Amino acid sequence: MLSISFLRTALASLLLIPTRAEVSPVVPETGVLAHQFSLSDVVLTSSRWQENEKRTLNYLTYVDVNRMLYVFRSNHKLSTNGAASNGGWDAPDFPFRSHMQGHILTAWAQCWASLKDTTCRDRAISFAAELRKCQQNNGAAGFAAGYLSGFPESDFDAMEGGTLSNGNVPYYVIHKTLAGLLDVWRTMGDNTAKTATIALADWVDNRTANLSTSKMQMVLNTEFGGMNDVLAQIYLMTGTSKYLTAAKRFDHTSQFTPLLNNQDQLNGFHANTQVPKWIGAAKEYKATGTTSYLTIAKNAWTMTVNAHTYAIGGNSQAEHFRAPNAIAGYLNTDTAESCNTYNMLKLTRELWMTDPTNTAYFDFYERALLNHLLGMQNPSDSHGHITYFSSLNPGGKRGLGPAWGGGTWSTDYDSFWCCQGTGLETQTKFADSVYFYDSSTLYVNLFTPSVLNWSARGVVVTQSTTFPVSDTSTIKITGSGTFTVSIRIPGWTSGATITINGASAGVPVTAGSYAKISRSWSSGDVIVVKMPMWFRKIAANDNANVAAVAFGPTVLCGNYGNTALSSNPSLSLSTLKRSSANSLTFTGVANGSNINLVPFYDGQGFNYVVYWIVNGSLPSAPSVAASRGSSTTFTY
């Protein structure tokens, strides 16, 4: 006999649960030459990316909604409905409690968009409704209209008066709440989320409009997240100019002026305070067309990537930027805060869309996503908990959070670090940057197993690959039409080839450029992209003898088990060997002993080494196979 639950499920699918429509901006962005697909257009298929996504979905559908509402309801003088309070950074006495909920709203919205998970959809909509109830009780709570937070409005009085307690960052939290509500409105078309978003944005506008320029600049010396970014987005969504005016109030002059003049003065500044401002500058350019904003964002990106970034694509030590090119001297336990990389990838997307012929942007994106953020999650944890830092000290180990937040992997209810929040977002949007488009072109920027529904052209694109374990990606076109497929050829490869239906594509295929194939496509056409991989040395900017080793795009780490290390081992580069063509496993000799190496994204559960004292030369790459169409590029 069929179960009642089965019948309900079948009936729901037959009746097609109503799809809430995405909402488009009313103001078109300026200077955008390539556009992102909606998350609902791209689905991940079997891969490590999808496995991470599933673990995060498990947590998002598990976490207790009433617990997450506790600090909001308590602060706005509503019943907490008997819920337990959280610990960590969402505890009732933690200064900037309630930042996490905005990240969760965004992650729920992304899981609805990409996976059509109805639990996430329903949670996002009901949570937005509960937050709106908090706003509606502001009179009883003694707050101004539209205010919404887990801490009292008086924290803003203290900030404006210069007496805010050390470490408190109230606008940082407001940004997260605004961004989460905006994503629910934009992704689901939920009117209650829209109402709450607009009410909170109005509160920000009213509050900041009353401050002098000098007072506002003083306020900006406190971390404020991406307030300029989210307010510019609300302007684009509504066309209401006061939100753009409010966004500009968050332009931090003392930070923007050096960047506009291409002066690297980042040393000593809290890194994740700065990067969201740069994302805001990029969005303000798109909202206004003012080129100085774009210059600021581009200069900041170039400085950070070229002079402040570790081999894995992360930046910062103890959450702060150090002097330009200071890498080898800062290989500590608290390197590469995950939030910074999350935000650098957001900035990279924004900039690439203004310059879609520049492969440097997605060469970096691939490097940081693969080597830093994919491995920030604990693959043995069904809830996909994350590490705050990715330690790069000799004998480092993942699972290191801040000492004030537990010091290990994140937890269900007792951590709620900033990186836990951005981690939920990261692990639910791996599909958002694989493909882009313009009026005549499909861009393939990442080699991720996935299916794209390009509905505007009636085309489905299926990408099948085990990259980066293999060097080949197969892209199948279903449907027909005349357009260009522009494929990023990474800067790390040599001798890349592209075939269509088994024959050469007949276009230039050059590392560090886009291979552009323009033709009338027939349904069933198959593109095969081969990107030969070999060992690479990635030296520290400040010491050529200290280096990480990569194979193709993948940074490797030595597995030292439980062995503690006090210094970087000496690795003989010439001894590096790949163990199998079917897996990314390697061997080498360090300090005279054999060592196993694996991808850094698999570096969980043991002490590892990423940076070595290197000596000798890398082994010569095998000859490229004579047949460019061969399924085996190298013989190992």
Foldseek 3Di string as FASTA:
>chain_A
DDDPVVVVVVVCVVVPPDAFDFAAFPAFFPLFFWFWDWLLQKEFDDALLVLLLQLQVVLLLPFDLLQLCQLQCVLLVHDSVPDDHFAACQGLPRQQHQLQVLLSLLLLLLCCSNVVDVSSLVSNLVSLVVQLVSQVSCVVSVHDHLDTGSDDPCLVVCLLVVNRDPPHAHLQSLVSNLNSLVSSCRRRVRVSSVVSNVRNLVVLLVVLVPDDLVSLLSSLVGQRAQQLQSLLVVCRRPVDCSSNVSSVSNQNVVLLVCQLVLHPPQAPPQQNSPLSNLLSLLSNCRSPVPCSSVSSNVSVLCQCQQFAADQQLFGDAPRGTHPGLPDPVRQFQAGGFPSNSLSSLSSLVSNCSSPVFFLVSLLSVLSNCQQPLSLQFDSVRSNGFGFGGDGAAAQHAGQAHDPSAPGGTDDSGHHSDPNRSSSSNSSSPPPGPQWIGRPFEIEGRDQGQMWGCPPVQRKIWGWDDNPPLFQKIKIFIAHKAWGKYKYQAAQQFDPKFKDKPLHGLPFDRDHRGITIRTDIDDHGIMMMIGTAWAKDWAARSVDRQKTFIAIRSFTKKWFPFADDDDHAWEWEQQQWDQPDSRFRKIWTATPRHITIMHGSSPRHRGGIHGIHRYDDDHHDFAQQDPDSSDSDGGDD
